C-alpha atoms as a PDB file:
ATOM      1  CA  MET A   1      17.209  -1.599  -2.911  1.00  0.00           C
ATOM      2  CA  PRO A   2      14.065  -3.869  -2.757  1.00  0.00           C
ATOM      3  CA  TRP A   3      11.680  -1.027  -3.899  1.00  0.00           C
ATOM      4  CA  HIS A   4      11.254   1.795  -6.540  1.00  0.00           C
ATOM      5  CA  SER A   5       9.048   4.821  -6.123  1.00  0.00           C
ATOM      6  CA  GLU A   6       8.176   7.364  -8.964  1.00  0.00           C
ATOM      7  CA  TYR A   7       5.528   9.982  -9.680  1.00  0.00           C
ATOM      8  CA  ARG A   8       3.477   9.081 -12.673  1.00  0.00           C
ATOM      9  CA  ALA A   9       2.138  12.365 -14.064  1.00  0.00           C
ATOM     10  CA  ASP A  10      -0.224  10.275 -16.638  1.00  0.00           C
ATOM     11  CA  ALA A  11      -2.225   8.953 -13.644  1.00  0.00           C
ATOM     12  CA  SER A  12      -1.312  11.595 -10.927  1.00  0.00           C
ATOM     13  CA  VAL A  13      -0.176   8.898  -8.577  1.00  0.00           C
ATOM     14  CA  VAL A  14       2.899   7.899  -6.700  1.00  0.00           C
ATOM     15  CA  HIS A  15       3.815   4.492  -7.764  1.00  0.00           C
ATOM     16  CA  THR A  16       5.926   2.161  -5.661  1.00  0.00           C
ATOM     17  CA  THR A  17       7.002  -1.369  -6.491  1.00  0.00           C
ATOM     18  CA  PHE A  18       8.412  -3.780  -3.951  1.00  0.00           C
ATOM     19  CA  LEU A  19      10.475  -6.711  -4.843  1.00  0.00           C
ATOM     20  CA  GLY A  20      11.473  -9.817  -2.956  1.00  0.00           C
ATOM     21  CA  GLN A  21      12.423  -9.557   0.803  1.00  0.00           C
ATOM     22  CA  VAL A  22      11.707  -6.002   2.180  1.00  0.00           C
ATOM     23  CA  PRO A  23      13.303  -5.346   5.660  1.00  0.00           C
ATOM     24  CA  PRO A  24      11.532  -2.971   8.038  1.00  0.00           C
ATOM     25  CA  THR A  25      14.119  -0.076   7.502  1.00  0.00           C
ATOM     26  CA  GLU A  26      13.461  -0.365   3.631  1.00  0.00           C
ATOM     27  CA  LEU A  27       9.666  -0.560   4.374  1.00  0.00           C
ATOM     28  CA  ARG A  28       9.889   2.715   6.137  1.00  0.00           C
ATOM     29  CA  ALA A  29      12.242   4.392   3.683  1.00  0.00           C
ATOM     30  CA  ALA A  30       9.892   3.633   0.886  1.00  0.00           C
ATOM     31  CA  ALA A  31       6.885   5.106   2.748  1.00  0.00           C
ATOM     32  CA  MET A  32       8.811   8.226   3.408  1.00  0.00           C
ATOM     33  CA  ALA A  33      10.151   8.471  -0.216  1.00  0.00           C
ATOM     34  CA  GLY A  34       6.572   8.050  -1.261  1.00  0.00           C
ATOM     35  CA  LEU A  35       5.236  10.781   0.897  1.00  0.00           C
ATOM     36  CA  ALA A  36       8.076  13.057  -0.202  1.00  0.00           C
ATOM     37  CA  LEU A  37       7.158  12.444  -3.932  1.00  0.00           C
ATOM     38  CA  ALA A  38       3.372  13.089  -3.076  1.00  0.00           C
ATOM     39  CA  ALA A  39       4.264  16.429  -1.320  1.00  0.00           C
ATOM     40  CA  ARG A  40       6.509  17.556  -4.262  1.00  0.00           C
ATOM     41  CA  HIS A  41       3.822  16.826  -6.759  1.00  0.00           C
ATOM     42  CA  GLY A  42       0.620  17.857  -4.666  1.00  0.00           C
ATOM     43  CA  ALA A  43      -0.579  14.114  -5.112  1.00  0.00           C
ATOM     44  CA  HIS A  44      -2.656  12.239  -2.817  1.00  0.00           C
ATOM     45  CA  LEU A  45      -3.011   8.930  -4.632  1.00  0.00           C
ATOM     46  CA  PHE A  46      -0.692   5.957  -4.114  1.00  0.00           C
ATOM     47  CA  LEU A  47      -0.453   2.812  -6.374  1.00  0.00           C
ATOM     48  CA  THR A  48       1.637   0.164  -4.446  1.00  0.00           C
ATOM     49  CA  ASP A  49       2.666  -2.983  -6.436  1.00  0.00           C
ATOM     50  CA  LEU A  50       3.268  -5.814  -4.302  1.00  0.00           C
ATOM     51  CA  ARG A  51       2.993  -8.609  -6.823  1.00  0.00           C
ATOM     52  CA  GLN A  52       6.678  -9.486  -6.332  1.00  0.00           C
ATOM     53  CA  LEU A  53       6.910  -9.003  -2.585  1.00  0.00           C
ATOM     54  CA  GLU A  54       7.827 -11.992  -0.665  1.00  0.00           C
ATOM     55  CA  GLY A  55       8.073 -10.705   2.903  1.00  0.00           C
ATOM     56  CA  GLY A  56      11.151  -9.523   5.126  1.00  0.00           C
ATOM     57  CA  HIS A  57       9.129  -7.739   7.639  1.00  0.00           C
ATOM     58  CA  SER A  58       6.521  -8.612  10.322  1.00  0.00           C
ATOM     59  CA  VAL A  59       2.995  -7.429  11.046  1.00  0.00           C
ATOM     60  CA  PHE A  60       4.577  -5.559  14.126  1.00  0.00           C
ATOM     61  CA  ASP A  61       6.606  -3.635  11.512  1.00  0.00           C
ATOM     62  CA  LEU A  62       3.453  -2.797   9.556  1.00  0.00           C
ATOM     63  CA  TYR A  63       1.637  -1.788  12.605  1.00  0.00           C
ATOM     64  CA  ALA A  64       4.490   0.452  13.722  1.00  0.00           C
ATOM     65  CA  LEU A  65       4.592   2.059  10.143  1.00  0.00           C
ATOM     66  CA  ALA A  66       0.831   2.703  10.131  1.00  0.00           C
ATOM     67  CA  GLU A  67       1.203   4.299  13.669  1.00  0.00           C
ATOM     68  CA  SER A  68       4.078   6.539  12.317  1.00  0.00           C
ATOM     69  CA  LEU A  69       1.912   7.622   9.261  1.00  0.00           C
ATOM     70  CA  ARG A  70      -0.917   8.691  11.519  1.00  0.00           C
ATOM     71  CA  ASP A  71       1.573  10.655  13.631  1.00  0.00           C
ATOM     72  CA  LEU A  72       2.759  12.443  10.552  1.00  0.00           C
ATOM     73  CA  ARG A  73      -0.795  13.643   9.946  1.00  0.00           C
ATOM     74  CA  VAL A  74      -1.160  12.035   6.480  1.00  0.00           C
ATOM     75  CA  PRO A  75      -4.018  13.860   4.838  1.00  0.00           C
ATOM     76  CA  PRO A  76      -7.495  12.046   5.004  1.00  0.00           C
ATOM     77  CA  THR A  77      -7.622  12.590   1.204  1.00  0.00           C
ATOM     78  CA  THR A  78      -4.823  10.092   0.775  1.00  0.00           C
ATOM     79  CA  ARG A  79      -5.853   6.903  -0.899  1.00  0.00           C
ATOM     80  CA  GLU A  80      -3.577   3.842  -1.582  1.00  0.00           C
ATOM     81  CA  ALA A  81      -4.473   0.899  -3.811  1.00  0.00           C
ATOM     82  CA  LEU A  82      -2.470  -2.231  -3.294  1.00  0.00           C
ATOM     83  CA  VAL A  83      -1.844  -4.644  -6.381  1.00  0.00           C
ATOM     84  CA  LEU A  84      -1.794  -7.595  -4.138  1.00  0.00           C
ATOM     85  CA  PRO A  85       1.130 -10.151  -3.985  1.00  0.00           C
ATOM     86  CA  THR A  86       0.934 -13.889  -5.072  1.00  0.00           C
ATOM     87  CA  ALA A  87       3.121 -15.280  -2.129  1.00  0.00           C
ATOM     88  CA  PRO A  88       0.320 -16.339   0.502  1.00  0.00           C
ATOM     89  CA  SER A  89       2.242 -14.902   3.664  1.00  0.00           C
ATOM     90  CA  ALA A  90       2.831 -11.678   1.747  1.00  0.00           C
ATOM     91  CA  ALA A  91      -0.779 -11.553   0.761  1.00  0.00           C
ATOM     92  CA  SER A  92      -1.826 -12.100   4.405  1.00  0.00           C
ATOM     93  CA  ASP A  93       0.295  -9.238   5.375  1.00  0.00           C
ATOM     94  CA  ALA A  94      -1.123  -7.010   2.733  1.00  0.00           C
ATOM     95  CA  GLY A  95      -4.508  -7.720   4.180  1.00  0.00           C
ATOM     96  CA  PHE A  96      -3.236  -6.777   7.571  1.00  0.00           C
ATOM     97  CA  TRP A  97      -1.890  -3.464   6.261  1.00  0.00           C
ATOM     98  CA  GLU A  98      -5.126  -2.665   4.745  1.00  0.00           C
ATOM     99  CA  THR A  99      -6.925  -3.297   7.872  1.00  0.00           C
ATOM    100  CA  VAL A 100      -4.466  -1.430  10.150  1.00  0.00           C
ATOM    101  CA  CYS A 101      -4.623   1.539   7.750  1.00  0.00           C
ATOM    102  CA  ARG A 102      -8.415   1.572   7.513  1.00  0.00           C
ATOM    103  CA  ASN A 103      -8.612   1.331  11.292  1.00  0.00           C
ATOM    104  CA  ARG A 104      -6.495   4.765  11.387  1.00  0.00           C
ATOM    105  CA  GLY A 105      -8.669   6.559   8.776  1.00  0.00           C
ATOM    106  CA  PHE A 106      -6.622   5.783   5.700  1.00  0.00           C
ATOM    107  CA  GLU A 107      -8.448   4.557   2.592  1.00  0.00           C
ATOM    108  CA  VAL A 108      -6.489   1.507   1.454  1.00  0.00           C
ATOM    109  CA  ARG A 109      -7.930  -1.161  -0.642  1.00  0.00           C
ATOM    110  CA  GLY A 110      -6.437  -4.326  -2.300  1.00  0.00           C
ATOM    111  CA  PHE A 111      -6.712  -5.281  -5.887  1.00  0.00           C
ATOM    112  CA  ALA A 112      -5.912  -8.353  -8.049  1.00  0.00           C
ATOM    113  CA  ASP A 113      -4.674  -6.189 -11.010  1.00  0.00           C
ATOM    114  CA  GLN A 114      -3.229  -2.785 -11.668  1.00  0.00           C
ATOM    115  CA  SER A 115      -5.990  -1.666 -13.899  1.00  0.00           C
ATOM    116  CA  SER A 116      -8.670  -2.186 -11.262  1.00  0.00           C
ATOM    117  CA  ALA A 117      -6.400  -0.378  -8.669  1.00  0.00           C
ATOM    118  CA  LEU A 118      -6.000   2.638 -10.951  1.00  0.00           C
ATOM    119  CA  ASP A 119      -9.943   2.734 -11.670  1.00  0.00           C
ATOM    120  CA  TRP A 120     -10.577   2.795  -7.856  1.00  0.00           C
ATOM    121  CA  LEU A 121      -7.869   5.568  -7.275  1.00  0.00           C
ATOM    122  CA  ARG A 122      -9.624   7.622  -9.997  1.00  0.00           C
ATOM    123  CA  GLY A 123     -12.890   7.035  -8.346  1.00  0.00           C
ATOM    124  CA  GLU A 124     -14.272   5.087 -11.133  1.00  0.00           C
ATOM    125  CA  VAL A 125     -17.033   2.692 -10.218  1.00  0.00           C
ATOM    126  CA  MET A 126     -16.310  -1.047 -10.895  1.00  0.00           C
ATOM    127  CA  PRO A 127     -18.013  -4.289 -10.476  1.00  0.00           C
ATOM    128  CA  ALA A 128     -17.297  -6.067  -7.237  1.00  0.00           C
ATOM    129  CA  SER A 129     -15.805  -9.019  -9.253  1.00  0.00           C
ATOM    130  CA  ARG A 130     -12.774  -6.882 -10.210  1.00  0.00           C
ATOM    131  CA  CYS A 131     -11.847  -6.271  -6.453  1.00  0.00           C
ATOM    132  CA  ALA A 132      -9.595  -8.695  -4.929  1.00  0.00           C
ATOM    133  CA  PRO A 133     -11.125 -10.996  -2.355  1.00  0.00           C
ATOM    134  CA  PRO A 134     -10.571 -10.299   1.342  1.00  0.00           C
ATOM    135  CA  VAL A 135      -7.387 -11.645   2.584  1.00  0.00           C
ATOM    136  CA  ALA A 136      -7.381 -13.231   6.160  1.00  0.00           C
ATOM    137  CA  SER A 137      -5.013 -10.977   8.115  1.00  0.00           C
ATOM    138  CA  ALA A 138      -2.710 -11.824  10.880  1.00  0.00           C
ATOM    139  CA  SER A 139      -2.828  -9.790  14.102  1.00  0.00           C
ATOM    140  CA  PRO A 140       0.107  -8.740  16.114  1.00  0.00           C
ATOM    141  CA  SER A 141      -0.963 -10.877  19.025  1.00  0.00           C
ATOM    142  CA  GLY A 142      -0.622 -14.023  17.304  1.00  0.00           C
END
């Protein structure tokens, strides 16, 4: 399995880590597992570690997943902090995911490191220099 999800009581977050190639079916399975963990623990914060993500899915898959999350009526209090991948194409996809989610009313933001991501999830103010720079995102039309 190219992902692992767990609830971290110390931070009150659902923490998912992606590794290597993640096909669309696994991407959806990870999202559903994370939502199930959140429901079980009454959580609304998600920490998604993409540092070792290489790809395995398309922007069309990401778009479809964001649509399905909207259809599932994920609460507006939900926040997801992405620890961004180092692989350029995966980083571009992460930027696309952030944009697609934000366009659907979800609070999603990318960060260069886990500490900054957790600070944002907790609502702690941080200098802009600790946020990841914007990533150029691909669009489904090209």
